[in-house]
Amino acid sequence: MAFKLDDDADAFSDINVTPLVDVMLVLLVIFMVTAPLLHQGVEVQLPKSVAQNLPKTPEDPLILSITKNGNYYLNETPIPKSQLKERLQLILSRRRDKAVYLKADRNLAYGVVVETMDTLNRLGVESLGMVTELKSEGAP
């Protein structure tokens, strides 16, 4: 027995893109939700302040972070304290902008922060920004 196609029921040769669009929209939502979670940085509890933010520069900022355990990070790269001067000197010699942002944990000893600031001054840092968190209304 042979099947005969009706003239009204011609076969469609088009691709149905609706499932493809559905999958792409689901993937887009997944990436939009997970993208902010990918940037973690160095965990530092910053002191509170009401100071204004410093103006942005065209170069990527050089951020020196010190954790409460006394670990040093240049941007997000861990650096032993013994190599801090050499690495900073090398990086600063290649930069036009001699600014450094210091992120020091609020529970860190004051002397460690002052020693680090002195080291940065001796290396020729022209501008030192202290990174803080914005103090909320009514907080002491």
N, C-alpha and C. Protein backbone atom coordinates (compact mmCIF):
# COMPACT_ATOMS: atom_id res chain seq x y z
N MET A 1 0.84 -1.16 0.00
CA MET A 1 0.00 0.00 0.00
C MET A 1 0.90 1.24 0.00
N ALA A 2 0.67 2.14 -0.87
CA ALA A 2 1.49 3.34 -1.02
C ALA A 2 0.75 4.54 -0.43
N PHE A 3 1.55 5.41 0.20
CA PHE A 3 0.96 6.62 0.75
C PHE A 3 1.08 7.74 -0.26
N LYS A 4 0.09 8.51 -0.35
CA LYS A 4 0.07 9.61 -1.30
C LYS A 4 -0.07 10.92 -0.53
N LEU A 5 0.79 11.87 -0.83
CA LEU A 5 0.71 13.18 -0.19
C LEU A 5 -0.35 14.02 -0.87
N ASP A 6 -1.12 14.66 -0.03
CA ASP A 6 -2.11 15.58 -0.58
C ASP A 6 -1.41 16.84 -1.05
N ASP A 7 -2.00 17.50 -1.97
CA ASP A 7 -1.45 18.78 -2.44
C ASP A 7 -1.50 19.83 -1.33
N ASP A 8 -2.48 19.72 -0.40
CA ASP A 8 -2.63 20.69 0.68
C ASP A 8 -1.58 20.48 1.76
N ALA A 9 -1.05 19.31 1.91
CA ALA A 9 -0.14 18.97 3.01
C ALA A 9 1.30 18.89 2.50
N ASP A 10 1.81 19.95 1.92
CA ASP A 10 3.20 19.98 1.46
C ASP A 10 4.13 19.95 2.66
N ALA A 11 5.26 19.27 2.52
CA ALA A 11 6.23 19.17 3.61
C ALA A 11 6.96 20.50 3.77
N PHE A 12 7.13 20.91 5.04
CA PHE A 12 7.86 22.15 5.32
C PHE A 12 9.35 21.84 5.38
N SER A 13 10.14 22.66 4.73
CA SER A 13 11.58 22.47 4.78
C SER A 13 12.26 23.54 5.63
N ASP A 14 11.50 24.33 6.35
CA ASP A 14 12.05 25.37 7.23
C ASP A 14 12.43 24.76 8.57
N ILE A 15 13.46 25.36 9.19
CA ILE A 15 13.90 24.93 10.51
C ILE A 15 13.10 25.71 11.55
N ASN A 16 12.62 25.00 12.53
CA ASN A 16 11.88 25.63 13.62
C ASN A 16 12.89 26.22 14.61
N VAL A 17 12.98 27.55 14.69
CA VAL A 17 13.98 28.20 15.54
C VAL A 17 13.45 28.53 16.93
N THR A 18 12.22 28.26 17.20
CA THR A 18 11.65 28.58 18.51
C THR A 18 12.36 27.86 19.64
N PRO A 19 12.65 26.55 19.54
CA PRO A 19 13.41 25.90 20.63
C PRO A 19 14.82 26.48 20.80
N LEU A 20 15.44 26.86 19.68
CA LEU A 20 16.77 27.45 19.75
C LEU A 20 16.73 28.79 20.49
N VAL A 21 15.74 29.60 20.20
CA VAL A 21 15.59 30.89 20.88
C VAL A 21 15.32 30.67 22.37
N ASP A 22 14.51 29.69 22.71
CA ASP A 22 14.24 29.39 24.11
C ASP A 22 15.51 29.01 24.86
N VAL A 23 16.32 28.16 24.25
CA VAL A 23 17.58 27.74 24.89
C VAL A 23 18.52 28.93 25.04
N MET A 24 18.61 29.77 24.03
CA MET A 24 19.50 30.93 24.11
C MET A 24 19.05 31.92 25.19
N LEU A 25 17.76 32.10 25.35
CA LEU A 25 17.27 33.00 26.40
C LEU A 25 17.56 32.44 27.79
N VAL A 26 17.43 31.14 27.95
CA VAL A 26 17.77 30.52 29.24
C VAL A 26 19.25 30.68 29.53
N LEU A 27 20.10 30.46 28.53
CA LEU A 27 21.54 30.64 28.73
C LEU A 27 21.88 32.09 29.06
N LEU A 28 21.22 33.02 28.40
CA LEU A 28 21.45 34.44 28.68
C LEU A 28 21.11 34.78 30.13
N VAL A 29 20.00 34.28 30.62
CA VAL A 29 19.61 34.54 32.01
C VAL A 29 20.61 33.91 32.96
N ILE A 30 21.07 32.71 32.67
CA ILE A 30 22.07 32.05 33.54
C ILE A 30 23.35 32.87 33.59
N PHE A 31 23.84 33.34 32.46
CA PHE A 31 25.07 34.13 32.45
C PHE A 31 24.88 35.48 33.14
N MET A 32 23.71 36.08 33.00
CA MET A 32 23.46 37.36 33.67
C MET A 32 23.44 37.20 35.20
N VAL A 33 22.96 36.07 35.67
CA VAL A 33 22.90 35.84 37.11
C VAL A 33 24.27 35.48 37.67
N THR A 34 25.05 34.69 36.94
CA THR A 34 26.33 34.23 37.48
C THR A 34 27.49 35.19 37.24
N ALA A 35 27.40 36.11 36.29
CA ALA A 35 28.52 37.02 36.00
C ALA A 35 28.93 37.87 37.19
N PRO A 36 28.03 38.47 37.96
CA PRO A 36 28.47 39.26 39.11
C PRO A 36 29.15 38.42 40.19
N LEU A 37 28.89 37.14 40.23
CA LEU A 37 29.47 36.29 41.27
C LEU A 37 30.90 35.87 40.94
N LEU A 38 31.34 36.06 39.70
CA LEU A 38 32.66 35.60 39.29
C LEU A 38 33.77 36.49 39.83
N HIS A 39 33.52 37.78 40.02
CA HIS A 39 34.54 38.69 40.52
C HIS A 39 34.52 38.67 42.05
N GLN A 40 35.57 38.13 42.64
CA GLN A 40 35.58 38.00 44.09
C GLN A 40 36.60 38.92 44.74
N GLY A 41 37.79 38.97 44.22
CA GLY A 41 38.82 39.83 44.80
C GLY A 41 39.38 39.29 46.10
N VAL A 42 40.10 40.13 46.82
CA VAL A 42 40.73 39.77 48.08
C VAL A 42 39.79 40.18 49.21
N GLU A 43 39.57 39.30 50.15
CA GLU A 43 38.65 39.55 51.26
C GLU A 43 39.32 40.44 52.30
N VAL A 44 38.88 41.68 52.39
CA VAL A 44 39.41 42.65 53.35
C VAL A 44 38.24 43.39 53.95
N GLN A 45 38.18 43.49 55.27
CA GLN A 45 37.15 44.28 55.93
C GLN A 45 37.67 45.71 56.01
N LEU A 46 37.10 46.58 55.20
CA LEU A 46 37.58 47.95 55.10
C LEU A 46 37.00 48.83 56.20
N PRO A 47 37.76 49.84 56.63
CA PRO A 47 37.22 50.79 57.59
C PRO A 47 36.14 51.64 56.93
N LYS A 48 35.26 52.21 57.74
CA LYS A 48 34.17 53.05 57.25
C LYS A 48 34.63 54.50 57.15
N SER A 49 34.11 55.22 56.16
CA SER A 49 34.50 56.60 55.95
C SER A 49 33.38 57.34 55.21
N VAL A 50 33.38 58.66 55.30
CA VAL A 50 32.43 59.48 54.56
C VAL A 50 33.14 60.27 53.46
N ALA A 51 34.40 59.95 53.16
CA ALA A 51 35.18 60.66 52.15
C ALA A 51 34.66 60.36 50.75
N GLN A 52 34.90 61.30 49.83
CA GLN A 52 34.49 61.14 48.44
C GLN A 52 35.46 60.21 47.72
N ASN A 53 34.98 59.56 46.65
CA ASN A 53 35.83 58.68 45.84
C ASN A 53 36.84 59.51 45.07
N LEU A 54 38.02 58.90 44.82
CA LEU A 54 39.03 59.56 44.01
C LEU A 54 38.64 59.47 42.53
N PRO A 55 39.08 60.43 41.70
CA PRO A 55 38.75 60.36 40.28
C PRO A 55 39.43 59.16 39.61
N LYS A 56 38.77 58.63 38.57
CA LYS A 56 39.32 57.48 37.86
C LYS A 56 40.42 57.92 36.91
N THR A 57 41.36 57.01 36.65
CA THR A 57 42.46 57.27 35.73
C THR A 57 42.34 56.32 34.55
N PRO A 58 42.99 56.65 33.41
CA PRO A 58 42.88 55.77 32.24
C PRO A 58 43.58 54.41 32.45
N GLU A 59 44.63 54.35 33.26
CA GLU A 59 45.31 53.09 33.53
C GLU A 59 44.54 52.31 34.59
N ASP A 60 44.71 51.01 34.57
CA ASP A 60 44.11 50.20 35.63
C ASP A 60 44.75 50.60 36.95
N PRO A 61 43.97 50.70 38.00
CA PRO A 61 44.54 51.12 39.28
C PRO A 61 45.43 50.01 39.86
N LEU A 62 46.45 50.45 40.56
CA LEU A 62 47.34 49.52 41.26
C LEU A 62 46.85 49.44 42.70
N ILE A 63 46.33 48.28 43.08
CA ILE A 63 45.73 48.12 44.41
C ILE A 63 46.61 47.19 45.24
N LEU A 64 47.07 47.71 46.37
CA LEU A 64 47.85 46.93 47.33
C LEU A 64 46.92 46.60 48.49
N SER A 65 46.67 45.30 48.69
CA SER A 65 45.77 44.86 49.76
C SER A 65 46.58 44.15 50.84
N ILE A 66 46.18 44.40 52.09
CA ILE A 66 46.79 43.72 53.23
C ILE A 66 45.65 43.09 54.03
N THR A 67 45.67 41.77 54.17
CA THR A 67 44.62 41.09 54.90
C THR A 67 44.90 41.16 56.40
N LYS A 68 43.93 40.73 57.20
CA LYS A 68 44.10 40.78 58.65
C LYS A 68 45.20 39.83 59.12
N ASN A 69 45.57 38.85 58.29
CA ASN A 69 46.67 37.94 58.62
C ASN A 69 48.03 38.49 58.21
N GLY A 70 48.05 39.67 57.59
CA GLY A 70 49.31 40.27 57.17
C GLY A 70 49.78 39.81 55.80
N ASN A 71 48.90 39.20 55.01
CA ASN A 71 49.25 38.77 53.66
C ASN A 71 49.09 39.95 52.71
N TYR A 72 50.03 40.10 51.78
CA TYR A 72 50.03 41.20 50.83
C TYR A 72 49.57 40.70 49.46
N TYR A 73 48.80 41.55 48.77
CA TYR A 73 48.33 41.25 47.42
C TYR A 73 48.50 42.49 46.57
N LEU A 74 49.05 42.33 45.38
CA LEU A 74 49.08 43.39 44.38
C LEU A 74 47.98 43.08 43.40
N ASN A 75 46.97 43.93 43.35
CA ASN A 75 45.70 43.66 42.69
C ASN A 75 45.18 42.36 43.31
N GLU A 76 45.20 41.23 42.66
CA GLU A 76 44.73 40.00 43.29
C GLU A 76 45.82 38.94 43.35
N THR A 77 47.06 39.34 43.11
CA THR A 77 48.18 38.41 43.11
C THR A 77 48.87 38.43 44.46
N PRO A 78 48.97 37.28 45.15
CA PRO A 78 49.67 37.26 46.44
C PRO A 78 51.16 37.53 46.26
N ILE A 79 51.71 38.33 47.20
CA ILE A 79 53.13 38.70 47.14
C ILE A 79 53.73 38.50 48.52
N PRO A 80 54.84 37.79 48.62
CA PRO A 80 55.52 37.71 49.92
C PRO A 80 56.04 39.09 50.32
N LYS A 81 56.01 39.37 51.62
CA LYS A 81 56.45 40.69 52.10
C LYS A 81 57.90 40.97 51.72
N SER A 82 58.71 39.92 51.65
CA SER A 82 60.13 40.11 51.30
C SER A 82 60.31 40.57 49.86
N GLN A 83 59.36 40.31 48.98
CA GLN A 83 59.48 40.69 47.57
C GLN A 83 58.64 41.93 47.23
N LEU A 84 57.99 42.49 48.22
CA LEU A 84 57.08 43.60 47.96
C LEU A 84 57.79 44.80 47.34
N LYS A 85 58.91 45.21 47.90
CA LYS A 85 59.62 46.39 47.38
C LYS A 85 60.06 46.19 45.94
N GLU A 86 60.65 45.02 45.65
CA GLU A 86 61.16 44.77 44.30
C GLU A 86 60.03 44.76 43.27
N ARG A 87 58.94 44.11 43.59
CA ARG A 87 57.82 44.02 42.65
C ARG A 87 57.18 45.39 42.44
N LEU A 88 56.98 46.13 43.52
CA LEU A 88 56.39 47.46 43.38
C LEU A 88 57.30 48.38 42.58
N GLN A 89 58.59 48.32 42.83
CA GLN A 89 59.53 49.16 42.11
C GLN A 89 59.50 48.86 40.62
N LEU A 90 59.44 47.57 40.27
CA LEU A 90 59.39 47.17 38.87
C LEU A 90 58.09 47.64 38.21
N ILE A 91 56.99 47.46 38.88
CA ILE A 91 55.69 47.85 38.32
C ILE A 91 55.59 49.37 38.19
N LEU A 92 56.02 50.09 39.22
CA LEU A 92 55.92 51.56 39.17
C LEU A 92 56.84 52.16 38.12
N SER A 93 57.96 51.51 37.83
CA SER A 93 58.87 52.04 36.81
C SER A 93 58.25 51.97 35.42
N ARG A 94 57.30 51.08 35.21
CA ARG A 94 56.65 50.93 33.91
C ARG A 94 55.37 51.75 33.78
N ARG A 95 54.92 52.36 34.85
CA ARG A 95 53.64 53.08 34.83
C ARG A 95 53.84 54.58 34.74
N ARG A 96 52.96 55.22 34.02
CA ARG A 96 52.97 56.68 33.98
C ARG A 96 52.30 57.22 35.23
N ASP A 97 51.21 56.55 35.65
CA ASP A 97 50.47 56.97 36.84
C ASP A 97 51.10 56.32 38.07
N LYS A 98 51.68 57.11 38.95
CA LYS A 98 52.36 56.60 40.14
C LYS A 98 51.43 56.61 41.35
N ALA A 99 50.18 56.18 41.14
CA ALA A 99 49.21 56.14 42.21
C ALA A 99 48.99 54.71 42.66
N VAL A 100 48.81 54.54 43.96
CA VAL A 100 48.55 53.22 44.55
C VAL A 100 47.35 53.38 45.48
N TYR A 101 46.45 52.42 45.42
CA TYR A 101 45.32 52.38 46.34
C TYR A 101 45.61 51.31 47.39
N LEU A 102 45.53 51.67 48.65
CA LEU A 102 45.86 50.76 49.75
C LEU A 102 44.57 50.28 50.40
N LYS A 103 44.37 48.96 50.38
CA LYS A 103 43.23 48.34 51.04
C LYS A 103 43.78 47.57 52.23
N ALA A 104 43.63 48.10 53.41
CA ALA A 104 44.13 47.44 54.61
C ALA A 104 42.95 47.04 55.48
N ASP A 105 42.97 45.83 55.98
CA ASP A 105 41.91 45.34 56.84
C ASP A 105 41.80 46.22 58.08
N ARG A 106 40.58 46.49 58.51
CA ARG A 106 40.39 47.39 59.66
C ARG A 106 40.94 46.80 60.96
N ASN A 107 41.11 45.48 61.05
CA ASN A 107 41.63 44.84 62.25
C ASN A 107 43.14 44.68 62.23
N LEU A 108 43.78 45.21 61.21
CA LEU A 108 45.23 45.14 61.07
C LEU A 108 45.89 46.14 62.01
N ALA A 109 47.07 45.79 62.52
CA ALA A 109 47.80 46.70 63.41
C ALA A 109 48.17 47.98 62.67
N TYR A 110 48.03 49.10 63.35
CA TYR A 110 48.31 50.41 62.77
C TYR A 110 49.74 50.51 62.25
N GLY A 111 50.68 49.91 62.98
CA GLY A 111 52.09 49.97 62.58
C GLY A 111 52.35 49.33 61.23
N VAL A 112 51.64 48.26 60.91
CA VAL A 112 51.82 47.60 59.62
C VAL A 112 51.39 48.52 58.48
N VAL A 113 50.29 49.24 58.69
CA VAL A 113 49.81 50.16 57.67
C VAL A 113 50.79 51.32 57.49
N VAL A 114 51.31 51.85 58.59
CA VAL A 114 52.25 52.97 58.50
C VAL A 114 53.55 52.52 57.83
N GLU A 115 54.05 51.34 58.16
CA GLU A 115 55.26 50.82 57.51
C GLU A 115 55.05 50.67 56.00
N THR A 116 53.87 50.18 55.62
CA THR A 116 53.57 50.01 54.20
C THR A 116 53.49 51.37 53.51
N MET A 117 52.87 52.35 54.16
CA MET A 117 52.79 53.68 53.58
C MET A 117 54.18 54.29 53.43
N ASP A 118 55.06 54.06 54.39
CA ASP A 118 56.43 54.55 54.31
C ASP A 118 57.17 53.89 53.15
N THR A 119 56.97 52.60 52.98
CA THR A 119 57.61 51.88 51.86
C THR A 119 57.13 52.45 50.53
N LEU A 120 55.83 52.69 50.41
CA LEU A 120 55.29 53.26 49.17
C LEU A 120 55.86 54.65 48.91
N ASN A 121 56.00 55.45 49.95
CA ASN A 121 56.57 56.79 49.81
C ASN A 121 58.01 56.72 49.32
N ARG A 122 58.78 55.82 49.90
CA ARG A 122 60.19 55.69 49.51
C ARG A 122 60.35 55.16 48.07
N LEU A 123 59.35 54.42 47.57
CA LEU A 123 59.41 53.90 46.21
C LEU A 123 58.97 54.93 45.17
N GLY A 124 58.54 56.10 45.61
CA GLY A 124 58.19 57.16 44.67
C GLY A 124 56.72 57.23 44.31
N VAL A 125 55.86 56.65 45.13
CA VAL A 125 54.43 56.75 44.88
C VAL A 125 54.01 58.20 45.06
N GLU A 126 53.40 58.77 44.02
CA GLU A 126 53.02 60.18 44.05
C GLU A 126 51.66 60.40 44.68
N SER A 127 50.79 59.40 44.60
CA SER A 127 49.44 59.54 45.12
C SER A 127 49.05 58.23 45.80
N LEU A 128 48.61 58.34 47.05
CA LEU A 128 48.20 57.16 47.81
C LEU A 128 46.73 57.33 48.20
N GLY A 129 45.92 56.40 47.74
CA GLY A 129 44.50 56.42 48.07
C GLY A 129 44.20 55.33 49.08
N MET A 130 43.51 55.69 50.14
CA MET A 130 43.11 54.71 51.15
C MET A 130 41.70 54.25 50.82
N VAL A 131 41.54 52.96 50.54
CA VAL A 131 40.24 52.41 50.16
C VAL A 131 39.44 52.13 51.42
N THR A 132 38.22 52.67 51.47
CA THR A 132 37.34 52.47 52.64
C THR A 132 35.95 52.12 52.13
N GLU A 133 35.09 51.69 53.05
CA GLU A 133 33.70 51.48 52.72
C GLU A 133 32.92 52.74 53.13
N LEU A 134 31.84 53.00 52.41
CA LEU A 134 31.02 54.14 52.72
C LEU A 134 30.26 53.88 54.02
N LYS A 135 30.36 54.83 54.94
CA LYS A 135 29.68 54.68 56.25
C LYS A 135 28.19 54.88 56.06
N SER A 136 27.41 53.98 56.62
CA SER A 136 25.96 54.08 56.50
C SER A 136 25.43 55.17 57.43
N GLU A 137 24.25 55.66 57.13
CA GLU A 137 23.63 56.72 57.93
C GLU A 137 23.41 56.26 59.37
N GLY A 138 23.78 57.06 60.33
CA GLY A 138 23.56 56.78 61.73
C GLY A 138 24.56 55.83 62.35
N ALA A 139 25.51 55.32 61.58
CA ALA A 139 26.51 54.41 62.13
C ALA A 139 27.61 55.23 62.82
N PRO A 140 28.18 54.71 63.90
CA PRO A 140 29.22 55.48 64.61
C PRO A 140 30.52 55.52 63.86
